[in-house]
Amino acid sequence: MIRVAVDFDGTIVENDYPQLGKPMLFAFETLKELQKRGFTLILWTIRTGKLLDEAVEFCRQNGVEFYAINQNHPEEVFDSSLPRKIEVDVFIDDRNLGGFPGWEKVFSMLCPNEPYELSQKKVLKMYKRKGLLRRILGI
């Protein structure tokens, strides 16, 4: 099981902190595909309090529930004597050296033997189902 820490602002959504940005292209679709393949996702964000609650609910409404939020596991209690950095195999963040590579690249790096086009086709079918006016307005 691969543990993945995922940032919110600038990674799952466009960076519009403290507001909720628009979802990044294929972000939720990719996160759901990773979960289907057994990856453990942890939301790792600077957000706290109400802003964090809004981000978690936004992800939930888009079909992604994280194993833990800003901690190694759901039962973990914050202890200031321990390092805040969490123990994961991969960090997905827009602050990576070189910037955020995009969700297609993330998927292909984590699942190198699976074509990403299959996921894209599913998403494109979903958007094609919307009426012309909804596609133009982005709703």
N, C-alpha and C. Protein backbone atom coordinates (compact mmCIF):
# COMPACT_ATOMS: atom_id res chain seq x y z
N MET A 1 0.85 -1.18 0.00
CA MET A 1 0.00 0.00 0.00
C MET A 1 0.90 1.24 0.00
N ILE A 2 0.72 2.07 -0.98
CA ILE A 2 1.51 3.31 -1.09
C ILE A 2 0.72 4.44 -0.44
N ARG A 3 1.39 5.15 0.47
CA ARG A 3 0.78 6.28 1.18
C ARG A 3 1.17 7.57 0.46
N VAL A 4 0.16 8.37 0.11
CA VAL A 4 0.38 9.58 -0.67
C VAL A 4 -0.20 10.78 0.06
N ALA A 5 0.63 11.79 0.30
CA ALA A 5 0.17 13.05 0.87
C ALA A 5 -0.14 14.00 -0.28
N VAL A 6 -1.34 14.59 -0.24
CA VAL A 6 -1.78 15.45 -1.34
C VAL A 6 -2.11 16.83 -0.79
N ASP A 7 -1.50 17.84 -1.37
CA ASP A 7 -1.79 19.23 -1.02
C ASP A 7 -3.14 19.63 -1.63
N PHE A 8 -3.74 20.68 -1.10
CA PHE A 8 -5.03 21.13 -1.61
C PHE A 8 -4.87 22.31 -2.57
N ASP A 9 -4.50 23.47 -2.06
CA ASP A 9 -4.42 24.69 -2.88
C ASP A 9 -3.26 24.60 -3.87
N GLY A 10 -3.58 24.77 -5.14
CA GLY A 10 -2.57 24.71 -6.19
C GLY A 10 -2.31 23.29 -6.69
N THR A 11 -2.97 22.31 -6.08
CA THR A 11 -2.76 20.91 -6.46
C THR A 11 -4.08 20.23 -6.79
N ILE A 12 -4.99 20.19 -5.83
CA ILE A 12 -6.32 19.64 -6.11
C ILE A 12 -7.18 20.72 -6.76
N VAL A 13 -7.04 21.94 -6.28
CA VAL A 13 -7.76 23.09 -6.85
C VAL A 13 -6.76 24.17 -7.22
N GLU A 14 -7.18 25.08 -8.10
CA GLU A 14 -6.34 26.22 -8.43
C GLU A 14 -6.08 27.01 -7.16
N ASN A 15 -4.90 27.60 -7.05
CA ASN A 15 -4.55 28.33 -5.84
C ASN A 15 -5.28 29.66 -5.78
N ASP A 16 -6.29 29.73 -4.93
CA ASP A 16 -7.07 30.94 -4.71
C ASP A 16 -7.25 31.14 -3.20
N TYR A 17 -6.26 30.64 -2.44
CA TYR A 17 -6.32 30.69 -0.98
C TYR A 17 -6.56 32.11 -0.50
N PRO A 18 -7.46 32.33 0.44
CA PRO A 18 -8.17 31.39 1.29
C PRO A 18 -9.49 30.88 0.70
N GLN A 19 -9.90 31.37 -0.47
CA GLN A 19 -11.11 30.85 -1.10
C GLN A 19 -10.82 29.47 -1.68
N LEU A 20 -11.89 28.76 -2.03
CA LEU A 20 -11.74 27.48 -2.73
C LEU A 20 -11.56 27.76 -4.21
N GLY A 21 -10.46 27.31 -4.77
CA GLY A 21 -10.24 27.49 -6.20
C GLY A 21 -11.05 26.47 -7.00
N LYS A 22 -11.02 26.64 -8.31
CA LYS A 22 -11.68 25.66 -9.19
C LYS A 22 -10.85 24.38 -9.22
N PRO A 23 -11.50 23.23 -9.35
CA PRO A 23 -10.75 21.97 -9.41
C PRO A 23 -9.75 21.97 -10.57
N MET A 24 -8.57 21.45 -10.31
CA MET A 24 -7.57 21.27 -11.36
C MET A 24 -8.07 20.17 -12.29
N LEU A 25 -7.75 20.29 -13.56
CA LEU A 25 -8.18 19.33 -14.56
C LEU A 25 -7.77 17.92 -14.16
N PHE A 26 -8.73 17.01 -14.07
CA PHE A 26 -8.54 15.60 -13.76
C PHE A 26 -8.10 15.32 -12.32
N ALA A 27 -8.14 16.32 -11.43
CA ALA A 27 -7.69 16.11 -10.05
C ALA A 27 -8.54 15.05 -9.35
N PHE A 28 -9.83 15.28 -9.27
CA PHE A 28 -10.69 14.34 -8.54
C PHE A 28 -10.78 13.00 -9.23
N GLU A 29 -10.80 13.00 -10.54
CA GLU A 29 -10.86 11.74 -11.27
C GLU A 29 -9.60 10.90 -10.99
N THR A 30 -8.44 11.55 -10.97
CA THR A 30 -7.19 10.85 -10.71
C THR A 30 -7.14 10.35 -9.27
N LEU A 31 -7.55 11.19 -8.32
CA LEU A 31 -7.54 10.77 -6.92
C LEU A 31 -8.45 9.56 -6.71
N LYS A 32 -9.61 9.56 -7.34
CA LYS A 32 -10.53 8.42 -7.21
C LYS A 32 -9.92 7.16 -7.84
N GLU A 33 -9.25 7.31 -8.97
CA GLU A 33 -8.60 6.17 -9.62
C GLU A 33 -7.49 5.62 -8.73
N LEU A 34 -6.73 6.49 -8.10
CA LEU A 34 -5.66 6.03 -7.21
C LEU A 34 -6.25 5.26 -6.02
N GLN A 35 -7.34 5.78 -5.46
CA GLN A 35 -7.97 5.08 -4.36
C GLN A 35 -8.46 3.70 -4.79
N LYS A 36 -9.02 3.60 -5.98
CA LYS A 36 -9.48 2.31 -6.50
C LYS A 36 -8.34 1.31 -6.59
N ARG A 37 -7.14 1.82 -6.83
CA ARG A 37 -5.97 0.95 -6.99
C ARG A 37 -5.26 0.69 -5.65
N GLY A 38 -5.85 1.13 -4.55
CA GLY A 38 -5.31 0.81 -3.24
C GLY A 38 -4.38 1.83 -2.62
N PHE A 39 -4.20 2.97 -3.24
CA PHE A 39 -3.36 4.01 -2.65
C PHE A 39 -4.07 4.60 -1.43
N THR A 40 -3.32 4.90 -0.39
CA THR A 40 -3.86 5.56 0.79
C THR A 40 -3.58 7.05 0.65
N LEU A 41 -4.64 7.85 0.60
CA LEU A 41 -4.50 9.29 0.39
C LEU A 41 -4.67 10.05 1.70
N ILE A 42 -3.73 10.96 1.94
CA ILE A 42 -3.77 11.83 3.11
C ILE A 42 -3.78 13.26 2.62
N LEU A 43 -4.74 14.04 3.08
CA LEU A 43 -4.76 15.46 2.74
C LEU A 43 -3.74 16.17 3.61
N TRP A 44 -2.80 16.87 2.97
CA TRP A 44 -1.70 17.53 3.67
C TRP A 44 -1.70 18.98 3.21
N THR A 45 -2.27 19.86 4.03
CA THR A 45 -2.50 21.23 3.61
C THR A 45 -2.21 22.21 4.73
N ILE A 46 -1.98 23.44 4.38
CA ILE A 46 -1.75 24.51 5.34
C ILE A 46 -3.06 24.96 5.98
N ARG A 47 -4.18 24.59 5.37
CA ARG A 47 -5.48 25.03 5.88
C ARG A 47 -5.77 24.45 7.26
N THR A 48 -6.42 25.26 8.07
CA THR A 48 -6.84 24.83 9.41
C THR A 48 -8.25 25.37 9.67
N GLY A 49 -8.87 24.90 10.74
CA GLY A 49 -10.16 25.41 11.17
C GLY A 49 -11.23 25.33 10.10
N LYS A 50 -11.97 26.43 9.96
CA LYS A 50 -13.08 26.48 9.00
C LYS A 50 -12.61 26.30 7.56
N LEU A 51 -11.46 26.88 7.23
CA LEU A 51 -10.93 26.74 5.87
C LEU A 51 -10.61 25.27 5.55
N LEU A 52 -10.10 24.55 6.53
CA LEU A 52 -9.83 23.13 6.35
C LEU A 52 -11.13 22.34 6.20
N ASP A 53 -12.10 22.66 7.05
CA ASP A 53 -13.40 21.98 6.96
C ASP A 53 -14.03 22.18 5.59
N GLU A 54 -13.93 23.38 5.03
CA GLU A 54 -14.48 23.66 3.70
C GLU A 54 -13.77 22.83 2.64
N ALA A 55 -12.45 22.72 2.73
CA ALA A 55 -11.67 21.94 1.75
C ALA A 55 -12.03 20.47 1.83
N VAL A 56 -12.14 19.94 3.05
CA VAL A 56 -12.47 18.52 3.23
C VAL A 56 -13.87 18.24 2.67
N GLU A 57 -14.82 19.11 2.96
CA GLU A 57 -16.18 18.93 2.46
C GLU A 57 -16.23 19.05 0.93
N PHE A 58 -15.47 19.96 0.36
CA PHE A 58 -15.40 20.13 -1.09
C PHE A 58 -14.90 18.84 -1.74
N CYS A 59 -13.87 18.25 -1.15
CA CYS A 59 -13.34 17.00 -1.67
C CYS A 59 -14.38 15.89 -1.54
N ARG A 60 -15.05 15.83 -0.41
CA ARG A 60 -16.08 14.82 -0.18
C ARG A 60 -17.20 14.95 -1.21
N GLN A 61 -17.62 16.18 -1.49
CA GLN A 61 -18.67 16.42 -2.48
C GLN A 61 -18.24 15.99 -3.88
N ASN A 62 -16.93 15.97 -4.10
CA ASN A 62 -16.40 15.55 -5.40
C ASN A 62 -15.94 14.10 -5.40
N GLY A 63 -16.35 13.35 -4.38
CA GLY A 63 -16.13 11.92 -4.37
C GLY A 63 -14.83 11.42 -3.78
N VAL A 64 -14.09 12.30 -3.09
CA VAL A 64 -12.82 11.88 -2.49
C VAL A 64 -12.86 12.07 -0.98
N GLU A 65 -12.68 10.97 -0.26
CA GLU A 65 -12.56 11.00 1.20
C GLU A 65 -11.15 10.54 1.54
N PHE A 66 -10.46 11.31 2.33
CA PHE A 66 -9.08 11.00 2.68
C PHE A 66 -9.01 10.09 3.89
N TYR A 67 -7.98 9.25 3.92
CA TYR A 67 -7.74 8.37 5.06
C TYR A 67 -7.48 9.21 6.32
N ALA A 68 -6.68 10.26 6.17
CA ALA A 68 -6.37 11.14 7.29
C ALA A 68 -6.17 12.55 6.75
N ILE A 69 -6.23 13.51 7.66
CA ILE A 69 -6.10 14.92 7.27
C ILE A 69 -5.05 15.57 8.16
N ASN A 70 -3.96 15.98 7.56
CA ASN A 70 -2.85 16.63 8.26
C ASN A 70 -2.28 15.79 9.39
N GLN A 71 -2.34 14.46 9.25
CA GLN A 71 -1.77 13.56 10.25
C GLN A 71 -1.53 12.20 9.60
N ASN A 72 -0.75 11.37 10.26
CA ASN A 72 -0.41 10.05 9.71
C ASN A 72 -1.59 9.10 9.66
N HIS A 73 -2.45 9.16 10.66
CA HIS A 73 -3.62 8.30 10.70
C HIS A 73 -4.72 9.04 11.45
N PRO A 74 -5.98 8.66 11.26
CA PRO A 74 -7.09 9.42 11.84
C PRO A 74 -7.06 9.55 13.36
N GLU A 75 -6.48 8.58 14.06
CA GLU A 75 -6.48 8.60 15.53
C GLU A 75 -5.30 9.37 16.12
N GLU A 76 -4.38 9.80 15.27
CA GLU A 76 -3.18 10.47 15.77
C GLU A 76 -3.54 11.76 16.50
N VAL A 77 -2.90 11.96 17.65
CA VAL A 77 -3.09 13.18 18.44
C VAL A 77 -1.83 14.03 18.28
N PHE A 78 -2.03 15.31 17.99
CA PHE A 78 -0.89 16.19 17.78
C PHE A 78 -0.04 16.28 19.04
N ASP A 79 1.27 16.13 18.87
CA ASP A 79 2.23 16.22 19.95
C ASP A 79 3.35 17.13 19.48
N SER A 80 3.50 18.29 20.11
CA SER A 80 4.47 19.29 19.65
C SER A 80 5.92 18.81 19.81
N SER A 81 6.15 17.72 20.55
CA SER A 81 7.52 17.22 20.68
C SER A 81 7.92 16.33 19.50
N LEU A 82 6.95 15.97 18.66
CA LEU A 82 7.23 15.14 17.49
C LEU A 82 7.25 16.01 16.24
N PRO A 83 8.00 15.59 15.23
CA PRO A 83 8.01 16.38 13.98
C PRO A 83 6.63 16.39 13.33
N ARG A 84 6.32 17.51 12.67
CA ARG A 84 5.01 17.64 12.03
C ARG A 84 4.97 16.92 10.69
N LYS A 85 6.11 16.67 10.10
CA LYS A 85 6.14 16.00 8.80
C LYS A 85 5.56 14.60 8.93
N ILE A 86 4.72 14.23 7.98
CA ILE A 86 4.07 12.92 8.06
C ILE A 86 4.88 11.88 7.29
N GLU A 87 4.63 10.62 7.63
CA GLU A 87 5.35 9.52 7.03
C GLU A 87 4.55 8.96 5.85
N VAL A 88 4.96 9.34 4.65
CA VAL A 88 4.32 8.87 3.43
C VAL A 88 5.39 8.47 2.42
N ASP A 89 4.95 7.83 1.36
CA ASP A 89 5.87 7.43 0.30
C ASP A 89 6.04 8.53 -0.75
N VAL A 90 4.98 9.32 -0.95
CA VAL A 90 4.98 10.34 -2.01
C VAL A 90 4.23 11.58 -1.53
N PHE A 91 4.77 12.73 -1.86
CA PHE A 91 4.07 14.01 -1.65
C PHE A 91 3.68 14.56 -3.01
N ILE A 92 2.42 14.93 -3.17
CA ILE A 92 1.96 15.59 -4.40
C ILE A 92 1.62 17.02 -4.02
N ASP A 93 2.40 17.96 -4.57
CA ASP A 93 2.30 19.35 -4.12
C ASP A 93 2.73 20.29 -5.25
N ASP A 94 2.08 21.44 -5.31
CA ASP A 94 2.47 22.41 -6.33
C ASP A 94 3.80 23.08 -6.00
N ARG A 95 4.31 22.88 -4.80
CA ARG A 95 5.58 23.47 -4.39
C ARG A 95 6.76 22.54 -4.65
N ASN A 96 6.53 21.45 -5.39
CA ASN A 96 7.62 20.55 -5.75
C ASN A 96 8.66 21.31 -6.55
N LEU A 97 9.88 20.84 -6.50
CA LEU A 97 10.92 21.39 -7.35
C LEU A 97 10.49 21.21 -8.79
N GLY A 98 10.37 22.27 -9.53
CA GLY A 98 9.88 22.19 -10.90
C GLY A 98 8.38 22.43 -11.03
N GLY A 99 7.68 22.58 -9.89
CA GLY A 99 6.25 22.86 -9.92
C GLY A 99 5.41 21.60 -10.04
N PHE A 100 4.11 21.79 -10.03
CA PHE A 100 3.18 20.67 -10.13
C PHE A 100 3.15 20.17 -11.57
N PRO A 101 3.38 18.86 -11.78
CA PRO A 101 3.46 18.35 -13.15
C PRO A 101 2.12 18.13 -13.84
N GLY A 102 1.02 18.20 -13.11
CA GLY A 102 -0.29 17.90 -13.67
C GLY A 102 -0.71 16.50 -13.30
N TRP A 103 -2.03 16.28 -13.25
CA TRP A 103 -2.55 15.00 -12.78
C TRP A 103 -2.28 13.85 -13.73
N GLU A 104 -2.18 14.11 -15.02
CA GLU A 104 -1.85 13.03 -15.97
C GLU A 104 -0.46 12.48 -15.66
N LYS A 105 0.49 13.37 -15.42
CA LYS A 105 1.86 12.96 -15.10
C LYS A 105 1.92 12.25 -13.75
N VAL A 106 1.17 12.76 -12.77
CA VAL A 106 1.12 12.11 -11.46
C VAL A 106 0.66 10.67 -11.61
N PHE A 107 -0.44 10.46 -12.34
CA PHE A 107 -0.98 9.12 -12.53
C PHE A 107 0.03 8.22 -13.23
N SER A 108 0.66 8.73 -14.27
CA SER A 108 1.60 7.89 -15.03
C SER A 108 2.85 7.56 -14.21
N MET A 109 3.23 8.42 -13.27
CA MET A 109 4.38 8.12 -12.41
C MET A 109 4.01 7.08 -11.34
N LEU A 110 2.80 7.16 -10.80
CA LEU A 110 2.38 6.24 -9.75
C LEU A 110 1.87 4.91 -10.30
N CYS A 111 1.35 4.93 -11.51
CA CYS A 111 0.81 3.71 -12.15
C CYS A 111 1.41 3.59 -13.54
N PRO A 112 2.73 3.33 -13.63
CA PRO A 112 3.41 3.38 -14.94
C PRO A 112 2.94 2.36 -15.96
N ASN A 113 2.32 1.28 -15.51
CA ASN A 113 1.89 0.24 -16.45
C ASN A 113 0.43 0.37 -16.88
N GLU A 114 -0.21 1.46 -16.46
CA GLU A 114 -1.62 1.65 -16.80
C GLU A 114 -1.78 2.92 -17.61
N PRO A 115 -2.41 2.84 -18.77
CA PRO A 115 -2.58 4.03 -19.59
C PRO A 115 -3.55 5.03 -18.96
N TYR A 116 -3.14 6.27 -18.89
CA TYR A 116 -3.98 7.31 -18.30
C TYR A 116 -5.14 7.68 -19.21
N GLU A 117 -5.00 7.42 -20.49
CA GLU A 117 -6.04 7.79 -21.46
C GLU A 117 -7.39 7.20 -21.08
N LEU A 118 -7.40 6.04 -20.46
CA LEU A 118 -8.67 5.42 -20.08
C LEU A 118 -9.43 6.31 -19.11
N SER A 119 -8.73 6.88 -18.15
CA SER A 119 -9.37 7.77 -17.19
C SER A 119 -9.84 9.04 -17.88
N GLN A 120 -9.02 9.57 -18.78
CA GLN A 120 -9.40 10.78 -19.50
C GLN A 120 -10.66 10.54 -20.32
N LYS A 121 -10.76 9.38 -20.95
CA LYS A 121 -11.94 9.09 -21.76
C LYS A 121 -13.20 9.07 -20.91
N LYS A 122 -13.10 8.51 -19.69
CA LYS A 122 -14.25 8.50 -18.79
C LYS A 122 -14.69 9.92 -18.47
N VAL A 123 -13.73 10.79 -18.21
CA VAL A 123 -14.05 12.17 -17.84
C VAL A 123 -14.64 12.90 -19.04
N LEU A 124 -14.05 12.69 -20.20
CA LEU A 124 -14.56 13.38 -21.39
C LEU A 124 -15.99 12.95 -21.69
N LYS A 125 -16.31 11.66 -21.48
CA LYS A 125 -17.69 11.21 -21.68
C LYS A 125 -18.62 11.92 -20.72
N MET A 126 -18.15 12.12 -19.48
CA MET A 126 -18.98 12.79 -18.48
C MET A 126 -19.28 14.23 -18.93
N TYR A 127 -18.26 14.93 -19.45
CA TYR A 127 -18.47 16.30 -19.88
C TYR A 127 -19.34 16.38 -21.13
N LYS A 128 -19.24 15.39 -22.00
CA LYS A 128 -20.04 15.39 -23.21
C LYS A 128 -21.53 15.23 -22.90
N ARG A 129 -21.84 14.61 -21.76
CA ARG A 129 -23.24 14.42 -21.38
C ARG A 129 -23.91 15.74 -21.01
N LYS A 130 -23.13 16.72 -20.61
CA LYS A 130 -23.70 18.01 -20.25
C LYS A 130 -24.23 18.69 -21.51
N GLY A 131 -25.23 19.52 -21.34
CA GLY A 131 -25.75 20.29 -22.45
C GLY A 131 -24.77 21.35 -22.88
N LEU A 132 -24.94 21.87 -24.06
CA LEU A 132 -24.04 22.88 -24.61
C LEU A 132 -23.93 24.09 -23.69
N LEU A 133 -25.04 24.59 -23.19
CA LEU A 133 -25.02 25.76 -22.33
C LEU A 133 -24.24 25.48 -21.04
N ARG A 134 -24.41 24.32 -20.45
CA ARG A 134 -23.69 23.96 -19.21
C ARG A 134 -22.19 23.86 -19.47
N ARG A 135 -21.81 23.31 -20.63
CA ARG A 135 -20.37 23.21 -20.95
C ARG A 135 -19.78 24.59 -21.13
N ILE A 136 -20.49 25.47 -21.80
CA ILE A 136 -19.97 26.82 -22.05
C ILE A 136 -19.82 27.59 -20.74
N LEU A 137 -20.81 27.46 -19.87
CA LEU A 137 -20.78 28.19 -18.60
C LEU A 137 -19.94 27.51 -17.54
N GLY A 138 -19.51 26.28 -17.80
CA GLY A 138 -18.69 25.55 -16.85
C GLY A 138 -19.40 25.11 -15.61
N ILE A 139 -20.70 24.84 -15.75
CA ILE A 139 -21.49 24.39 -14.58
C ILE A 139 -21.97 22.97 -14.77
